[in-house]
Amino acid sequence: ATYNLDEAKAIMTSKGYSESNMLKLTYTYNDNTMHKNV
């Protein structure tokens, strides 16, 4: 698992997503400062 923004954007573009049509997701975490910062 690595960070590769260009590859991520290419995948998302191929799936029909763009700056004007973003994939909306909800990320859930237990509330404390550490988890909030992450």
Full PDB file with SEQRES, HELIX, SHEET, SSBOND, CRYST1, ORIGX, SCALE, CONECT and MASTER records, all heavy atoms in Angstrom:
SEQRES   1 A   38  ALA THR TYR ASN LEU ASP GLU ALA LYS ALA ILE MET THR          
SEQRES   2 A   38  SER LYS GLY TYR SER GLU SER ASN MET LEU LYS LEU THR          
SEQRES   3 A   38  TYR THR TYR ASN ASP ASN THR MET HIS LYS ASN VAL              
HELIX    1 AA1 LEU A    5  SER A   14  1                                  10    
HELIX    2 AA2 THR A   33  ASN A   37  1                                   5    
CRYST1    1.000    1.000    1.000  90.00  90.00  90.00 P 1           1          
ORIGX1      1.000000  0.000000  0.000000        0.00000                         
ORIGX2      0.000000  1.000000  0.000000        0.00000                         
ORIGX3      0.000000  0.000000  1.000000        0.00000                         
SCALE1      1.000000  0.000000  0.000000        0.00000                         
SCALE2      0.000000  1.000000  0.000000        0.00000                         
SCALE3      0.000000  0.000000  1.000000        0.00000                         
ATOM      1  N   ALA A   1       0.852  -1.189   0.000  1.00  0.00           N  
ATOM      2  CA  ALA A   1       0.000   0.000   0.000  1.00  0.00           C  
ATOM      3  C   ALA A   1       0.884   1.234   0.000  1.00  0.00           C  
ATOM      4  O   ALA A   1       1.714   1.409   0.890  1.00  0.00           O  
ATOM      5  CB  ALA A   1      -0.923  -0.001   1.214  1.00  0.00           C  
ATOM      6  N   THR A   2       0.726   2.084  -1.016  1.00  0.00           N  
ATOM      7  CA  THR A   2       1.552   3.282  -1.149  1.00  0.00           C  
ATOM      8  C   THR A   2       0.693   4.467  -1.592  1.00  0.00           C  
ATOM      9  O   THR A   2      -0.477   4.306  -1.938  1.00  0.00           O  
ATOM     10  CB  THR A   2       2.675   3.070  -2.184  1.00  0.00           C  
ATOM     11  OG1 THR A   2       2.086   2.712  -3.445  1.00  0.00           O  
ATOM     12  CG2 THR A   2       3.617   1.962  -1.745  1.00  0.00           C  
ATOM     13  N   TYR A   3       1.304   5.639  -1.606  1.00  0.00           N  
ATOM     14  CA  TYR A   3       0.636   6.859  -2.077  1.00  0.00           C  
ATOM     15  C   TYR A   3       1.048   7.125  -3.514  1.00  0.00           C  
ATOM     16  O   TYR A   3       2.236   7.193  -3.833  1.00  0.00           O  
ATOM     17  CB  TYR A   3       1.044   8.034  -1.192  1.00  0.00           C  
ATOM     18  CG  TYR A   3       0.614   9.399  -1.703  1.00  0.00           C  
ATOM     19  CD1 TYR A   3      -0.730   9.698  -1.895  1.00  0.00           C  
ATOM     20  CD2 TYR A   3       1.553  10.385  -1.969  1.00  0.00           C  
ATOM     21  CE1 TYR A   3      -1.133  10.951  -2.343  1.00  0.00           C  
ATOM     22  CE2 TYR A   3       1.177  11.645  -2.406  1.00  0.00           C  
ATOM     23  CZ  TYR A   3      -0.169  11.924  -2.597  1.00  0.00           C  
ATOM     24  OH  TYR A   3      -0.560  13.163  -3.039  1.00  0.00           O  
ATOM     25  N   ASN A   4       0.066   7.251  -4.409  1.00  0.00           N  
ATOM     26  CA  ASN A   4       0.331   7.574  -5.808  1.00  0.00           C  
ATOM     27  C   ASN A   4      -0.879   8.331  -6.341  1.00  0.00           C  
ATOM     28  O   ASN A   4      -1.838   7.731  -6.828  1.00  0.00           O  
ATOM     29  CB  ASN A   4       0.587   6.309  -6.624  1.00  0.00           C  
ATOM     30  CG  ASN A   4       1.090   6.613  -8.031  1.00  0.00           C  
ATOM     31  OD1 ASN A   4       0.634   7.569  -8.670  1.00  0.00           O  
ATOM     32  ND2 ASN A   4       2.020   5.807  -8.514  1.00  0.00           N  
ATOM     33  N   LEU A   5      -0.850   9.645  -6.222  1.00  0.00           N  
ATOM     34  CA  LEU A   5      -1.994  10.478  -6.581  1.00  0.00           C  
ATOM     35  C   LEU A   5      -2.356  10.345  -8.055  1.00  0.00           C  
ATOM     36  O   LEU A   5      -3.539  10.254  -8.408  1.00  0.00           O  
ATOM     37  CB  LEU A   5      -1.704  11.938  -6.242  1.00  0.00           C  
ATOM     38  CG  LEU A   5      -2.813  12.944  -6.585  1.00  0.00           C  
ATOM     39  CD1 LEU A   5      -4.112  12.582  -5.873  1.00  0.00           C  
ATOM     40  CD2 LEU A   5      -2.376  14.364  -6.230  1.00  0.00           C  
ATOM     41  N   ASP A   6      -1.350  10.328  -8.930  1.00  0.00           N  
ATOM     42  CA  ASP A   6      -1.632  10.239 -10.370  1.00  0.00           C  
ATOM     43  C   ASP A   6      -2.378   8.947 -10.698  1.00  0.00           C  
ATOM     44  O   ASP A   6      -3.331   8.960 -11.486  1.00  0.00           O  
ATOM     45  CB  ASP A   6      -0.328  10.308 -11.177  1.00  0.00           C  
ATOM     46  CG  ASP A   6       0.306  11.689 -11.131  1.00  0.00           C  
ATOM     47  OD1 ASP A   6      -0.418  12.667 -10.843  1.00  0.00           O  
ATOM     48  OD2 ASP A   6       1.535  11.792 -11.359  1.00  0.00           O  
ATOM     49  N   GLU A   7      -1.946   7.847 -10.111  1.00  0.00           N  
ATOM     50  CA  GLU A   7      -2.613   6.570 -10.370  1.00  0.00           C  
ATOM     51  C   GLU A   7      -4.022   6.571  -9.789  1.00  0.00           C  
ATOM     52  O   GLU A   7      -4.969   6.044 -10.399  1.00  0.00           O  
ATOM     53  CB  GLU A   7      -1.795   5.419  -9.784  1.00  0.00           C  
ATOM     54  CG  GLU A   7      -2.323   4.045 -10.171  1.00  0.00           C  
ATOM     55  CD  GLU A   7      -1.442   2.905  -9.690  1.00  0.00           C  
ATOM     56  OE1 GLU A   7      -0.309   3.169  -9.241  1.00  0.00           O  
ATOM     57  OE2 GLU A   7      -1.904   1.746  -9.753  1.00  0.00           O  
ATOM     58  N   ALA A   8      -4.178   7.162  -8.621  1.00  0.00           N  
ATOM     59  CA  ALA A   8      -5.505   7.238  -8.005  1.00  0.00           C  
ATOM     60  C   ALA A   8      -6.454   8.042  -8.879  1.00  0.00           C  
ATOM     61  O   ALA A   8      -7.615   7.631  -9.102  1.00  0.00           O  
ATOM     62  CB  ALA A   8      -5.400   7.871  -6.617  1.00  0.00           C  
ATOM     63  N   LYS A   9      -5.992   9.171  -9.381  1.00  0.00           N  
ATOM     64  CA  LYS A   9      -6.833  10.016 -10.238  1.00  0.00           C  
ATOM     65  C   LYS A   9      -7.188   9.301 -11.541  1.00  0.00           C  
ATOM     66  O   LYS A   9      -8.315   9.410 -12.032  1.00  0.00           O  
ATOM     67  CB  LYS A   9      -6.126  11.339 -10.529  1.00  0.00           C  
ATOM     68  CG  LYS A   9      -6.007  12.244  -9.310  1.00  0.00           C  
ATOM     69  CD  LYS A   9      -5.137  13.461  -9.562  1.00  0.00           C  
ATOM     70  CE  LYS A   9      -5.778  14.433 -10.523  1.00  0.00           C  
ATOM     71  NZ  LYS A   9      -4.977  15.675 -10.646  1.00  0.00           N  
ATOM     72  N   ALA A  10      -6.222   8.561 -12.087  1.00  0.00           N  
ATOM     73  CA  ALA A  10      -6.475   7.836 -13.338  1.00  0.00           C  
ATOM     74  C   ALA A  10      -7.565   6.788 -13.142  1.00  0.00           C  
ATOM     75  O   ALA A  10      -8.449   6.616 -13.992  1.00  0.00           O  
ATOM     76  CB  ALA A  10      -5.186   7.177 -13.824  1.00  0.00           C  
ATOM     77  N   ILE A  11      -7.517   6.081 -12.004  1.00  0.00           N  
ATOM     78  CA  ILE A  11      -8.547   5.073 -11.719  1.00  0.00           C  
ATOM     79  C   ILE A  11      -9.907   5.749 -11.578  1.00  0.00           C  
ATOM     80  O   ILE A  11     -10.913   5.294 -12.158  1.00  0.00           O  
ATOM     81  CB  ILE A  11      -8.208   4.290 -10.443  1.00  0.00           C  
ATOM     82  CG1 ILE A  11      -6.963   3.430 -10.658  1.00  0.00           C  
ATOM     83  CG2 ILE A  11      -9.383   3.417 -10.011  1.00  0.00           C  
ATOM     84  CD1 ILE A  11      -6.443   2.762  -9.396  1.00  0.00           C  
ATOM     85  N   MET A  12      -9.953   6.816 -10.790  1.00  0.00           N  
ATOM     86  CA  MET A  12     -11.216   7.490 -10.547  1.00  0.00           C  
ATOM     87  C   MET A  12     -11.792   8.089 -11.829  1.00  0.00           C  
ATOM     88  O   MET A  12     -13.010   8.054 -12.061  1.00  0.00           O  
ATOM     89  CB  MET A  12     -11.042   8.576  -9.479  1.00  0.00           C  
ATOM     90  CG  MET A  12     -10.658   8.041  -8.109  1.00  0.00           C  
ATOM     91  SD  MET A  12     -11.883   6.883  -7.444  1.00  0.00           S  
ATOM     92  CE  MET A  12     -13.241   8.003  -7.087  1.00  0.00           C  
ATOM     93  N   THR A  13     -10.923   8.617 -12.691  1.00  0.00           N  
ATOM     94  CA  THR A  13     -11.375   9.154 -13.977  1.00  0.00           C  
ATOM     95  C   THR A  13     -11.970   8.055 -14.842  1.00  0.00           C  
ATOM     96  O   THR A  13     -13.003   8.238 -15.499  1.00  0.00           O  
ATOM     97  CB  THR A  13     -10.211   9.831 -14.713  1.00  0.00           C  
ATOM     98  OG1 THR A  13      -9.701  10.904 -13.927  1.00  0.00           O  
ATOM     99  CG2 THR A  13     -10.657  10.374 -16.061  1.00  0.00           C  
ATOM    100  N   SER A  14     -11.330   6.898 -14.837  1.00  0.00           N  
ATOM    101  CA  SER A  14     -11.827   5.766 -15.636  1.00  0.00           C  
ATOM    102  C   SER A  14     -13.192   5.276 -15.142  1.00  0.00           C  
ATOM    103  O   SER A  14     -13.942   4.642 -15.888  1.00  0.00           O  
ATOM    104  CB  SER A  14     -10.821   4.615 -15.609  1.00  0.00           C  
ATOM    105  OG  SER A  14     -10.813   3.961 -14.338  1.00  0.00           O  
ATOM    106  N   LYS A  15     -13.509   5.570 -13.887  1.00  0.00           N  
ATOM    107  CA  LYS A  15     -14.794   5.174 -13.318  1.00  0.00           C  
ATOM    108  C   LYS A  15     -15.849   6.272 -13.447  1.00  0.00           C  
ATOM    109  O   LYS A  15     -16.968   6.130 -12.956  1.00  0.00           O  
ATOM    110  CB  LYS A  15     -14.625   4.817 -11.838  1.00  0.00           C  
ATOM    111  CG  LYS A  15     -13.655   3.673 -11.563  1.00  0.00           C  
ATOM    112  CD  LYS A  15     -14.174   2.337 -12.082  1.00  0.00           C  
ATOM    113  CE  LYS A  15     -13.193   1.216 -11.780  1.00  0.00           C  
ATOM    114  NZ  LYS A  15     -13.699  -0.109 -12.250  1.00  0.00           N  
ATOM    115  N   GLY A  16     -15.485   7.381 -14.093  1.00  0.00           N  
ATOM    116  CA  GLY A  16     -16.448   8.448 -14.341  1.00  0.00           C  
ATOM    117  C   GLY A  16     -16.445   9.577 -13.334  1.00  0.00           C  
ATOM    118  O   GLY A  16     -17.325  10.440 -13.364  1.00  0.00           O  
ATOM    119  N   TYR A  17     -15.447   9.594 -12.454  1.00  0.00           N  
ATOM    120  CA  TYR A  17     -15.394  10.643 -11.446  1.00  0.00           C  
ATOM    121  C   TYR A  17     -14.464  11.767 -11.891  1.00  0.00           C  
ATOM    122  O   TYR A  17     -13.525  11.563 -12.679  1.00  0.00           O  
ATOM    123  CB  TYR A  17     -14.940  10.083 -10.109  1.00  0.00           C  
ATOM    124  CG  TYR A  17     -15.918   9.072  -9.547  1.00  0.00           C  
ATOM    125  CD1 TYR A  17     -15.675   7.706  -9.645  1.00  0.00           C  
ATOM    126  CD2 TYR A  17     -17.094   9.500  -8.932  1.00  0.00           C  
ATOM    127  CE1 TYR A  17     -16.581   6.779  -9.144  1.00  0.00           C  
ATOM    128  CE2 TYR A  17     -18.006   8.584  -8.429  1.00  0.00           C  
ATOM    129  CZ  TYR A  17     -17.743   7.224  -8.535  1.00  0.00           C  
ATOM    130  OH  TYR A  17     -18.646   6.317  -8.059  1.00  0.00           O  
ATOM    131  N   SER A  18     -14.735  12.956 -11.364  1.00  0.00           N  
ATOM    132  CA  SER A  18     -13.938  14.129 -11.724  1.00  0.00           C  
ATOM    133  C   SER A  18     -14.070  15.163 -10.620  1.00  0.00           C  
ATOM    134  O   SER A  18     -14.763  14.937  -9.608  1.00  0.00           O  
ATOM    135  CB  SER A  18     -14.433  14.717 -13.046  1.00  0.00           C  
ATOM    136  OG  SER A  18     -15.768  15.198 -12.899  1.00  0.00           O  
ATOM    137  N   GLU A  19     -13.446  16.305 -10.828  1.00  0.00           N  
ATOM    138  CA  GLU A  19     -13.513  17.378  -9.833  1.00  0.00           C  
ATOM    139  C   GLU A  19     -14.942  17.861  -9.632  1.00  0.00           C  
ATOM    140  O   GLU A  19     -15.320  18.305  -8.553  1.00  0.00           O  
ATOM    141  CB  GLU A  19     -12.608  18.537 -10.269  1.00  0.00           C  
ATOM    142  CG  GLU A  19     -12.356  19.556  -9.183  1.00  0.00           C  
ATOM    143  CD  GLU A  19     -11.272  20.559  -9.558  1.00  0.00           C  
ATOM    144  OE1 GLU A  19     -10.599  20.346 -10.588  1.00  0.00           O  
ATOM    145  OE2 GLU A  19     -11.106  21.544  -8.817  1.00  0.00           O  
ATOM    146  N   SER A  20     -15.747  17.758 -10.685  1.00  0.00           N  
ATOM    147  CA  SER A  20     -17.150  18.193 -10.592  1.00  0.00           C  
ATOM    148  C   SER A  20     -18.108  17.042 -10.290  1.00  0.00           C  
ATOM    149  O   SER A  20     -19.313  17.266 -10.116  1.00  0.00           O  
ATOM    150  CB  SER A  20     -17.561  18.875 -11.902  1.00  0.00           C  
ATOM    151  OG  SER A  20     -17.427  17.971 -12.996  1.00  0.00           O  
ATOM    152  N   ASN A  21     -17.603  15.841 -10.245  1.00  0.00           N  
ATOM    153  CA  ASN A  21     -18.430  14.663  -9.951  1.00  0.00           C  
ATOM    154  C   ASN A  21     -17.643  13.711  -9.051  1.00  0.00           C  
ATOM    155  O   ASN A  21     -17.109  12.704  -9.499  1.00  0.00           O  
ATOM    156  CB  ASN A  21     -18.838  13.950 -11.246  1.00  0.00           C  
ATOM    157  CG  ASN A  21     -19.685  12.719 -10.978  1.00  0.00           C  
ATOM    158  OD1 ASN A  21     -20.535  12.722 -10.085  1.00  0.00           O  
ATOM    159  ND2 ASN A  21     -19.462  11.671 -11.744  1.00  0.00           N  
ATOM    160  N   MET A  22     -17.588  14.073  -7.788  1.00  0.00           N  
ATOM    161  CA  MET A  22     -16.755  13.315  -6.849  1.00  0.00           C  
ATOM    162  C   MET A  22     -17.513  12.125  -6.252  1.00  0.00           C  
ATOM    163  O   MET A  22     -18.745  12.139  -6.138  1.00  0.00           O  
ATOM    164  CB  MET A  22     -16.270  14.221  -5.720  1.00  0.00           C  
ATOM    165  CG  MET A  22     -15.267  15.274  -6.145  1.00  0.00           C  
ATOM    166  SD  MET A  22     -14.489  16.053  -4.702  1.00  0.00           S  
ATOM    167  CE  MET A  22     -13.196  17.009  -5.491  1.00  0.00           C  
ATOM    168  N   LEU A  23     -16.749  11.104  -5.869  1.00  0.00           N  
ATOM    169  CA  LEU A  23     -17.306   9.981  -5.124  1.00  0.00           C  
ATOM    170  C   LEU A  23     -17.470  10.430  -3.672  1.00  0.00           C  
ATOM    171  O   LEU A  23     -16.503  10.821  -3.020  1.00  0.00           O  
ATOM    172  CB  LEU A  23     -16.372   8.774  -5.189  1.00  0.00           C  
ATOM    173  CG  LEU A  23     -16.720   7.591  -4.273  1.00  0.00           C  
ATOM    174  CD1 LEU A  23     -18.076   6.996  -4.643  1.00  0.00           C  
ATOM    175  CD2 LEU A  23     -15.626   6.531  -4.322  1.00  0.00           C  
ATOM    176  N   LYS A  24     -18.684  10.366  -3.172  1.00  0.00           N  
ATOM    177  CA  LYS A  24     -18.954  10.808  -1.807  1.00  0.00           C  
ATOM    178  C   LYS A  24     -18.920   9.600  -0.864  1.00  0.00           C  
ATOM    179  O   LYS A  24     -19.649   8.626  -1.067  1.00  0.00           O  
ATOM    180  CB  LYS A  24     -20.310  11.506  -1.724  1.00  0.00           C  
ATOM    181  CG  LYS A  24     -20.386  12.783  -2.557  1.00  0.00           C  
ATOM    182  CD  LYS A  24     -21.735  13.468  -2.393  1.00  0.00           C  
ATOM    183  CE  LYS A  24     -21.836  14.710  -3.267  1.00  0.00           C  
ATOM    184  NZ  LYS A  24     -20.862  15.746  -2.884  1.00  0.00           N  
ATOM    185  N   LEU A  25     -18.070   9.676   0.157  1.00  0.00           N  
ATOM    186  CA  LEU A  25     -17.933   8.612   1.142  1.00  0.00           C  
ATOM    187  C   LEU A  25     -17.959   9.194   2.546  1.00  0.00           C  
ATOM    188  O   LEU A  25     -17.595  10.358   2.750  1.00  0.00           O  
ATOM    189  CB  LEU A  25     -16.611   7.848   0.944  1.00  0.00           C  
ATOM    190  CG  LEU A  25     -16.445   7.018  -0.329  1.00  0.00           C  
ATOM    191  CD1 LEU A  25     -15.023   6.462  -0.404  1.00  0.00           C  
ATOM    192  CD2 LEU A  25     -17.465   5.892  -0.381  1.00  0.00           C  
ATOM    193  N   THR A  26     -18.357   8.364   3.509  1.00  0.00           N  
ATOM    194  CA  THR A  26     -18.349   8.783   4.910  1.00  0.00           C  
ATOM    195  C   THR A  26     -17.325   7.951   5.670  1.00  0.00           C  
ATOM    196  O   THR A  26     -17.348   6.718   5.620  1.00  0.00           O  
ATOM    197  CB  THR A  26     -19.738   8.608   5.552  1.00  0.00           C  
ATOM    198  OG1 THR A  26     -20.676   9.437   4.860  1.00  0.00           O  
ATOM    199  CG2 THR A  26     -19.703   9.002   7.028  1.00  0.00           C  
ATOM    200  N   TYR A  27     -16.436   8.646   6.370  1.00  0.00           N  
ATOM    201  CA  TYR A  27     -15.403   8.001   7.189  1.00  0.00           C  
ATOM    202  C   TYR A  27     -15.789   8.150   8.650  1.00  0.00           C  
ATOM    203  O   TYR A  27     -15.979   9.260   9.157  1.00  0.00           O  
ATOM    204  CB  TYR A  27     -14.038   8.651   6.932  1.00  0.00           C  
ATOM    205  CG  TYR A  27     -12.917   8.126   7.796  1.00  0.00           C  
ATOM    206  CD1 TYR A  27     -12.408   6.854   7.608  1.00  0.00           C  
ATOM    207  CD2 TYR A  27     -12.354   8.925   8.798  1.00  0.00           C  
ATOM    208  CE1 TYR A  27     -11.367   6.368   8.386  1.00  0.00           C  
ATOM    209  CE2 TYR A  27     -11.308   8.455   9.577  1.00  0.00           C  
ATOM    210  CZ  TYR A  27     -10.825   7.179   9.369  1.00  0.00           C  
ATOM    211  OH  TYR A  27      -9.787   6.702  10.148  1.00  0.00           O  
ATOM    212  N   THR A  28     -15.909   7.024   9.336  1.00  0.00           N  
ATOM    213  CA  THR A  28     -16.355   7.018  10.722  1.00  0.00           C  
ATOM    214  C   THR A  28     -15.196   6.716  11.664  1.00  0.00           C  
ATOM    215  O   THR A  28     -14.386   5.831  11.389  1.00  0.00           O  
ATOM    216  CB  THR A  28     -17.462   5.958  10.922  1.00  0.00           C  
ATOM    217  OG1 THR A  28     -18.476   6.160   9.928  1.00  0.00           O  
ATOM    218  CG2 THR A  28     -18.075   6.078  12.304  1.00  0.00           C  
ATOM    219  N   TYR A  29     -15.139   7.446  12.769  1.00  0.00           N  
ATOM    220  CA  TYR A  29     -14.093   7.220  13.766  1.00  0.00           C  
ATOM    221  C   TYR A  29     -14.609   7.611  15.139  1.00  0.00           C  
ATOM    222  O   TYR A  29     -15.593   8.349  15.257  1.00  0.00           O  
ATOM    223  CB  TYR A  29     -12.823   8.014  13.428  1.00  0.00           C  
ATOM    224  CG  TYR A  29     -13.010   9.513  13.367  1.00  0.00           C  
ATOM    225  CD1 TYR A  29     -12.712  10.312  14.478  1.00  0.00           C  
ATOM    226  CD2 TYR A  29     -13.482  10.136  12.212  1.00  0.00           C  
ATOM    227  CE1 TYR A  29     -12.884  11.687  14.429  1.00  0.00           C  
ATOM    228  CE2 TYR A  29     -13.655  11.520  12.157  1.00  0.00           C  
ATOM    229  CZ  TYR A  29     -13.356  12.282  13.265  1.00  0.00           C  
ATOM    230  OH  TYR A  29     -13.537  13.652  13.222  1.00  0.00           O  
ATOM    231  N   ASN A  30     -13.979   7.065  16.191  1.00  0.00           N  
ATOM    232  CA  ASN A  30     -14.349   7.470  17.544  1.00  0.00           C  
ATOM    233  C   ASN A  30     -13.673   8.793  17.878  1.00  0.00           C  
ATOM    234  O   ASN A  30     -12.521   9.033  17.538  1.00  0.00           O  
ATOM    235  CB  ASN A  30     -14.006   6.386  18.570  1.00  0.00           C  
ATOM    236  CG  ASN A  30     -12.592   5.880  18.463  1.00  0.00           C  
ATOM    237  OD1 ASN A  30     -12.119   5.574  17.370  1.00  0.00           O  
ATOM    238  ND2 ASN A  30     -11.908   5.770  19.576  1.00  0.00           N  
ATOM    239  N   ASP A  31     -14.434   9.636  18.517  1.00  0.00           N  
ATOM    240  CA  ASP A  31     -14.059  11.044  18.648  1.00  0.00           C  
ATOM    241  C   ASP A  31     -12.947  11.278  19.665  1.00  0.00           C  
ATOM    242  O   ASP A  31     -13.159  11.146  20.869  1.00  0.00           O  
ATOM    243  CB  ASP A  31     -15.300  11.850  19.050  1.00  0.00           C  
ATOM    244  CG  ASP A  31     -15.091  13.346  18.911  1.00  0.00           C  
ATOM    245  OD1 ASP A  31     -14.121  13.735  18.258  1.00  0.00           O  
ATOM    246  OD2 ASP A  31     -15.910  14.111  19.444  1.00  0.00           O  
ATOM    247  N   ASN A  32     -11.752  11.599  19.179  1.00  0.00           N  
ATOM    248  CA  ASN A  32     -10.702  12.194  20.007  1.00  0.00           C  
ATOM    249  C   ASN A  32      -9.760  12.956  19.087  1.00  0.00           C  
ATOM    250  O   ASN A  32      -9.853  12.855  17.858  1.00  0.00           O  
ATOM    251  CB  ASN A  32      -9.987  11.159  20.893  1.00  0.00           C  
ATOM    252  CG  ASN A  32      -9.010  10.278  20.139  1.00  0.00           C  
ATOM    253  OD1 ASN A  32      -8.585  10.583  19.023  1.00  0.00           O  
ATOM    254  ND2 ASN A  32      -8.641   9.164  20.743  1.00  0.00           N  
ATOM    255  N   THR A  33      -8.875  13.726  19.660  1.00  0.00           N  
ATOM    256  CA  THR A  33      -8.040  14.630  18.859  1.00  0.00           C  
ATOM    257  C   THR A  33      -7.156  13.881  17.885  1.00  0.00           C  
ATOM    258  O   THR A  33      -7.013  14.284  16.717  1.00  0.00           O  
ATOM    259  CB  THR A  33      -7.173  15.503  19.794  1.00  0.00           C  
ATOM    260  OG1 THR A  33      -8.032  16.249  20.663  1.00  0.00           O  
ATOM    261  CG2 THR A  33      -6.319  16.467  18.990  1.00  0.00           C  
ATOM    262  N   MET A  34      -6.546  12.793  18.325  1.00  0.00           N  
ATOM    263  CA  MET A  34      -5.653  12.019  17.463  1.00  0.00           C  
ATOM    264  C   MET A  34      -6.385  11.543  16.214  1.00  0.00           C  
ATOM    265  O   MET A  34      -5.927  11.753  15.086  1.00  0.00           O  
ATOM    266  CB  MET A  34      -5.100  10.818  18.231  1.00  0.00           C  
ATOM    267  CG  MET A  34      -4.347   9.819  17.368  1.00  0.00           C  
ATOM    268  SD  MET A  34      -3.946   8.317  18.305  1.00  0.00           S  
ATOM    269  CE  MET A  34      -3.158   7.313  17.055  1.00  0.00           C  
ATOM    270  N   HIS A  35      -7.544  10.908  16.395  1.00  0.00           N  
ATOM    271  CA  HIS A  35      -8.278  10.364  15.256  1.00  0.00           C  
ATOM    272  C   HIS A  35      -8.817  11.476  14.356  1.00  0.00           C  
ATOM    273  O   HIS A  35      -8.881  11.318  13.128  1.00  0.00           O  
ATOM    274  CB  HIS A  35      -9.414   9.473  15.744  1.00  0.00           C  
ATOM    275  CG  HIS A  35      -8.968   8.354  16.630  1.00  0.00           C  
ATOM    276  ND1 HIS A  35      -7.796   7.653  16.407  1.00  0.00           N  
ATOM    277  CD2 HIS A  35      -9.523   7.817  17.743  1.00  0.00           C  
ATOM    278  CE1 HIS A  35      -7.662   6.735  17.348  1.00  0.00           C  
ATOM    279  NE2 HIS A  35      -8.674   6.821  18.168  1.00  0.00           N  
ATOM    280  N   LYS A  36      -9.181  12.589  14.959  1.00  0.00           N  
ATOM    281  CA  LYS A  36      -9.667  13.730  14.179  1.00  0.00           C  
ATOM    282  C   LYS A  36      -8.563  14.280  13.284  1.00  0.00           C  
ATOM    283  O   LYS A  36      -8.788  14.571  12.096  1.00  0.00           O  
ATOM    284  CB  LYS A  36     -10.181  14.820  15.107  1.00  0.00           C  
ATOM    285  CG  LYS A  36     -10.707  16.061  14.384  1.00  0.00           C  
ATOM    286  CD  LYS A  36     -11.180  17.108  15.386  1.00  0.00           C  
ATOM    287  CE  LYS A  36     -11.668  18.357  14.665  1.00  0.00           C  
ATOM    288  NZ  LYS A  36     -12.123  19.407  15.646  1.00  0.00           N  
ATOM    289  N   ASN A  37      -7.359  14.426  13.827  1.00  0.00           N  
ATOM    290  CA  ASN A  37      -6.242  14.955  13.039  1.00  0.00           C  
ATOM    291  C   ASN A  37      -5.920  14.044  11.852  1.00  0.00           C  
ATOM    292  O   ASN A  37      -5.661  14.512  10.740  1.00  0.00           O  
ATOM    293  CB  ASN A  37      -5.008  15.120  13.919  1.00  0.00           C  
ATOM    294  CG  ASN A  37      -5.159  16.232  14.931  1.00  0.00           C  
ATOM    295  OD1 ASN A  37      -6.032  17.091  14.800  1.00  0.00           O  
ATOM    296  ND2 ASN A  37      -4.313  16.232  15.954  1.00  0.00           N  
ATOM    297  N   VAL A  38      -5.930  12.732  12.103  1.00  0.00           N  
ATOM    298  CA  VAL A  38      -5.676  11.766  11.030  1.00  0.00           C  
ATOM    299  C   VAL A  38      -6.771  11.862   9.969  1.00  0.00           C  
ATOM    300  O   VAL A  38      -6.503  11.888   8.765  1.00  0.00           O  
ATOM    301  CB  VAL A  38      -5.599  10.338  11.599  1.00  0.00           C  
ATOM    302  CG1 VAL A  38      -5.605   9.301  10.482  1.00  0.00           C  
ATOM    303  CG2 VAL A  38      -4.345  10.177  12.450  1.00  0.00           C  
TER     304      VAL A  38                                                      
MASTER        0    0    0    2    0    0    0    6  303    1    0    3          
END                                                                             
